[in-house]
């Protein structure tokens, strides 16, 4: 196996791992951001 083939295989592995992490953690991150933006203050100040 040549060094170019090893480099290509390693790059494909790193790319696949990054894609898998993005797919797994993406919805979690989006859900956390959505919950934070929608949550707001549970006890808003009352206006007289």
PDB file of N, CA and C in Angstrom:
ATOM      1  N   UNK A   1       0.862  -1.178   0.000  1.00  0.00           N
ATOM      2  CA  UNK A   1       0.000   0.000   0.000  1.00  0.00           C
ATOM      3  C   UNK A   1       0.906   1.237   0.000  1.00  0.00           C
ATOM      4  N   UNK A   2       0.629   2.167  -0.846  1.00  0.00           N
ATOM      5  CA  UNK A   2       1.458   3.365  -0.937  1.00  0.00           C
ATOM      6  C   UNK A   2       1.038   4.369   0.125  1.00  0.00           C
ATOM      7  N   UNK A   3       1.904   5.352   0.317  1.00  0.00           N
ATOM      8  CA  UNK A   3       1.583   6.359   1.329  1.00  0.00           C
ATOM      9  C   UNK A   3       0.369   7.183   0.926  1.00  0.00           C
ATOM     10  N   UNK A   4       0.174   7.383  -0.378  1.00  0.00           N
ATOM     11  CA  UNK A   4      -1.018   8.113  -0.831  1.00  0.00           C
ATOM     12  C   UNK A   4      -2.293   7.344  -0.505  1.00  0.00           C
ATOM     13  N   UNK A   5      -2.264   6.030  -0.663  1.00  0.00           N
ATOM     14  CA  UNK A   5      -3.434   5.215  -0.342  1.00  0.00           C
ATOM     15  C   UNK A   5      -3.717   5.240   1.145  1.00  0.00           C
ATOM     16  N   UNK A   6      -2.672   5.186   1.959  1.00  0.00           N
ATOM     17  CA  UNK A   6      -2.874   5.259   3.422  1.00  0.00           C
ATOM     18  C   UNK A   6      -3.453   6.609   3.820  1.00  0.00           C
ATOM     19  N   UNK A   7      -2.930   7.657   3.218  1.00  0.00           N
ATOM     20  CA  UNK A   7      -3.418   9.002   3.543  1.00  0.00           C
ATOM     21  C   UNK A   7      -4.886   9.140   3.148  1.00  0.00           C
ATOM     22  N   UNK A   8      -5.250   8.606   1.988  1.00  0.00           N
ATOM     23  CA  UNK A   8      -6.645   8.671   1.535  1.00  0.00           C
ATOM     24  C   UNK A   8      -7.549   7.878   2.462  1.00  0.00           C
ATOM     25  N   UNK A   9      -7.100   6.695   2.861  1.00  0.00           N
ATOM     26  CA  UNK A   9      -7.918   5.878   3.761  1.00  0.00           C
ATOM     27  C   UNK A   9      -8.101   6.588   5.105  1.00  0.00           C
ATOM     28  N   UNK A  10      -7.029   7.177   5.628  1.00  0.00           N
ATOM     29  CA  UNK A  10      -7.119   7.889   6.910  1.00  0.00           C
ATOM     30  C   UNK A  10      -8.049   9.085   6.794  1.00  0.00           C
ATOM     31  N   UNK A  11      -7.954   9.817   5.701  1.00  0.00           N
ATOM     32  CA  UNK A  11      -8.824  10.975   5.503  1.00  0.00           C
ATOM     33  C   UNK A  11     -10.282  10.554   5.411  1.00  0.00           C
ATOM     34  N   UNK A  12     -10.541   9.447   4.727  1.00  0.00           N
ATOM     35  CA  UNK A  12     -11.920   8.956   4.640  1.00  0.00           C
ATOM     36  C   UNK A  12     -12.436   8.543   6.010  1.00  0.00           C
ATOM     37  N   UNK A  13     -11.577   7.938   6.824  1.00  0.00           N
ATOM     38  CA  UNK A  13     -11.981   7.526   8.169  1.00  0.00           C
ATOM     39  C   UNK A  13     -12.305   8.741   9.030  1.00  0.00           C
ATOM     40  N   UNK A  14     -11.449   9.751   8.968  1.00  0.00           N
ATOM     41  CA  UNK A  14     -11.674  10.973   9.757  1.00  0.00           C
ATOM     42  C   UNK A  14     -12.947  11.672   9.294  1.00  0.00           C
ATOM     43  N   UNK A  15     -13.167  11.712   7.983  1.00  0.00           N
ATOM     44  CA  UNK A  15     -14.374  12.344   7.450  1.00  0.00           C
ATOM     45  C   UNK A  15     -15.627  11.592   7.883  1.00  0.00           C
ATOM     46  N   UNK A  16     -15.569  10.266   7.839  1.00  0.00           N
ATOM     47  CA  UNK A  16     -16.726   9.464   8.255  1.00  0.00           C
ATOM     48  C   UNK A  16     -17.007   9.652   9.740  1.00  0.00           C
ATOM     49  N   UNK A  17     -15.953   9.718  10.542  1.00  0.00           N
ATOM     50  CA  UNK A  17     -16.132   9.916  11.979  1.00  0.00           C
ATOM     51  C   UNK A  17     -16.731  11.292  12.263  1.00  0.00           C
ATOM     52  N   UNK A  18     -16.252  12.308  11.579  1.00  0.00           N
ATOM     53  CA  UNK A  18     -16.797  13.658  11.755  1.00  0.00           C
ATOM     54  C   UNK A  18     -18.258  13.736  11.344  1.00  0.00           C
ATOM     55  N   UNK A  19     -18.585  13.074  10.252  1.00  0.00           N
ATOM     56  CA  UNK A  19     -19.978  13.071   9.795  1.00  0.00           C
ATOM     57  C   UNK A  19     -20.880  12.363  10.802  1.00  0.00           C
ATOM     58  N   UNK A  20     -20.403  11.252  11.344  1.00  0.00           N
ATOM     59  CA  UNK A  20     -21.204  10.512  12.326  1.00  0.00           C
ATOM     60  C   UNK A  20     -21.425  11.348  13.584  1.00  0.00           C
ATOM     61  N   UNK A  21     -20.395  12.056  14.009  1.00  0.00           N
ATOM     62  CA  UNK A  21     -20.548  12.924  15.189  1.00  0.00           C
ATOM     63  C   UNK A  21     -21.529  14.053  14.908  1.00  0.00           C
ATOM     64  N   UNK A  22     -21.450  14.636  13.721  1.00  0.00           N
ATOM     65  CA  UNK A  22     -22.365  15.722  13.371  1.00  0.00           C
ATOM     66  C   UNK A  22     -23.811  15.231  13.348  1.00  0.00           C
ATOM     67  N   UNK A  23     -24.022  14.044  12.813  1.00  0.00           N
ATOM     68  CA  UNK A  23     -25.381  13.486  12.753  1.00  0.00           C
ATOM     69  C   UNK A  23     -25.889  13.160  14.153  1.00  0.00           C
ATOM     70  N   UNK A  24     -25.004  12.666  15.020  1.00  0.00           N
ATOM     71  CA  UNK A  24     -25.425  12.273  16.366  1.00  0.00           C
ATOM     72  C   UNK A  24     -25.632  13.481  17.274  1.00  0.00           C
ATOM     73  N   UNK A  25     -24.750  14.467  17.183  1.00  0.00           N
ATOM     74  CA  UNK A  25     -24.808  15.591  18.111  1.00  0.00           C
ATOM     75  C   UNK A  25     -25.572  16.796  17.571  1.00  0.00           C
ATOM     76  N   UNK A  26     -25.801  16.841  16.269  1.00  0.00           N
ATOM     77  CA  UNK A  26     -26.511  17.973  15.669  1.00  0.00           C
ATOM     78  C   UNK A  26     -27.890  18.197  16.267  1.00  0.00           C
ATOM     79  N   UNK A  27     -28.746  17.180  16.268  1.00  0.00           N
ATOM     80  CA  UNK A  27     -30.085  17.384  16.846  1.00  0.00           C
ATOM     81  C   UNK A  27     -30.043  17.743  18.332  1.00  0.00           C
ATOM     82  N   UNK A  28     -29.085  17.197  19.048  1.00  0.00           N
ATOM     83  CA  UNK A  28     -28.964  17.520  20.466  1.00  0.00           C
ATOM     84  C   UNK A  28     -28.623  18.998  20.657  1.00  0.00           C
ATOM     85  N   UNK A  29     -27.686  19.481  19.859  1.00  0.00           N
ATOM     86  CA  UNK A  29     -27.297  20.888  19.939  1.00  0.00           C
ATOM     87  C   UNK A  29     -28.444  21.795  19.517  1.00  0.00           C
ATOM     88  N   UNK A  30     -29.124  21.436  18.438  1.00  0.00           N
ATOM     89  CA  UNK A  30     -30.261  22.247  17.993  1.00  0.00           C
ATOM     90  C   UNK A  30     -31.382  22.255  19.027  1.00  0.00           C
ATOM     91  N   UNK A  31     -31.629  21.118  19.645  1.00  0.00           N
ATOM     92  CA  UNK A  31     -32.657  21.057  20.680  1.00  0.00           C
ATOM     93  C   UNK A  31     -32.311  21.913  21.883  1.00  0.00           C
ATOM     94  N   UNK A  32     -31.049  21.906  22.272  1.00  0.00           N
ATOM     95  CA  UNK A  32     -30.628  22.722  23.410  1.00  0.00           C
ATOM     96  C   UNK A  32     -30.756  24.203  23.092  1.00  0.00           C
ATOM     97  N   UNK A  33     -30.356  24.595  21.880  1.00  0.00           N
ATOM     98  CA  UNK A  33     -30.496  26.007  21.498  1.00  0.00           C
ATOM     99  C   UNK A  33     -31.955  26.425  21.413  1.00  0.00           C
ATOM    100  N   UNK A  34     -32.797  25.554  20.890  1.00  0.00           N
ATOM    101  CA  UNK A  34     -34.223  25.866  20.793  1.00  0.00           C
ATOM    102  C   UNK A  34     -34.843  25.984  22.182  1.00  0.00           C
ATOM    103  N   UNK A  35     -34.503  25.064  23.066  1.00  0.00           N
ATOM    104  CA  UNK A  35     -35.047  25.106  24.422  1.00  0.00           C
ATOM    105  C   UNK A  35     -34.587  26.362  25.151  1.00  0.00           C
ATOM    106  N   UNK A  36     -33.348  26.753  24.910  1.00  0.00           N
ATOM    107  CA  UNK A  36     -32.836  27.952  25.566  1.00  0.00           C
ATOM    108  C   UNK A  36     -33.546  29.199  25.048  1.00  0.00           C
ATOM    109  N   UNK A  37     -33.785  29.256  23.736  1.00  0.00           N
ATOM    110  CA  UNK A  37     -34.419  30.448  23.173  1.00  0.00           C
ATOM    111  C   UNK A  37     -35.906  30.523  23.523  1.00  0.00           C
ATOM    112  N   UNK A  38     -36.574  29.384  23.622  1.00  0.00           N
ATOM    113  CA  UNK A  38     -38.002  29.371  23.914  1.00  0.00           C
ATOM    114  C   UNK A  38     -38.254  29.472  25.417  1.00  0.00           C
ATOM    115  N   UNK A  39     -37.324  28.948  26.205  1.00  0.00           N
ATOM    116  CA  UNK A  39     -37.519  28.877  27.655  1.00  0.00           C
ATOM    117  C   UNK A  39     -37.804  30.213  28.295  1.00  0.00           C
ATOM    118  N   UNK A  40     -36.974  31.170  28.080  1.00  0.00           N
ATOM    119  CA  UNK A  40     -37.185  32.482  28.671  1.00  0.00           C
ATOM    120  C   UNK A  40     -37.103  32.449  30.185  1.00  0.00           C
ATOM    121  N   UNK A  41     -37.679  33.430  30.803  1.00  0.00           N
ATOM    122  CA  UNK A  41     -37.679  33.552  32.257  1.00  0.00           C
ATOM    123  C   UNK A  41     -38.935  32.874  32.802  1.00  0.00           C
ATOM    124  N   UNK A  42     -38.787  31.876  33.681  1.00  0.00           N
ATOM    125  CA  UNK A  42     -39.995  31.212  34.199  1.00  0.00           C
ATOM    126  C   UNK A  42     -40.843  32.118  35.100  1.00  0.00           C
ATOM    127  N   UNK A  43     -40.244  33.138  35.675  1.00  0.00           N
ATOM    128  CA  UNK A  43     -40.978  34.076  36.513  1.00  0.00           C
ATOM    129  C   UNK A  43     -40.770  35.497  35.977  1.00  0.00           C
ATOM    130  N   UNK A  44     -41.500  35.855  34.928  1.00  0.00           N
ATOM    131  CA  UNK A  44     -41.310  37.208  34.372  1.00  0.00           C
ATOM    132  C   UNK A  44     -41.801  38.257  35.356  1.00  0.00           C
ATOM    133  N   UNK A  45     -41.189  39.403  35.361  1.00  0.00           N
ATOM    134  CA  UNK A  45     -41.654  40.462  36.298  1.00  0.00           C
ATOM    135  C   UNK A  45     -43.060  40.926  35.931  1.00  0.00           C
ATOM    136  N   UNK A  46     -43.845  41.149  36.938  1.00  0.00           N
ATOM    137  CA  UNK A  46     -45.222  41.590  36.689  1.00  0.00           C
ATOM    138  C   UNK A  46     -45.216  43.091  36.422  1.00  0.00           C
ATOM    139  N   UNK A  47     -46.021  43.504  35.460  1.00  0.00           N
ATOM    140  CA  UNK A  47     -46.120  44.927  35.156  1.00  0.00           C
ATOM    141  C   UNK A  47     -47.369  45.488  35.799  1.00  0.00           C
ATOM    142  N   UNK A  48     -47.233  46.573  36.490  1.00  0.00           N
ATOM    143  CA  UNK A  48     -48.421  47.162  37.167  1.00  0.00           C
ATOM    144  C   UNK A  48     -49.400  47.790  36.220  1.00  0.00           C
TER     145      UNK A  48
END
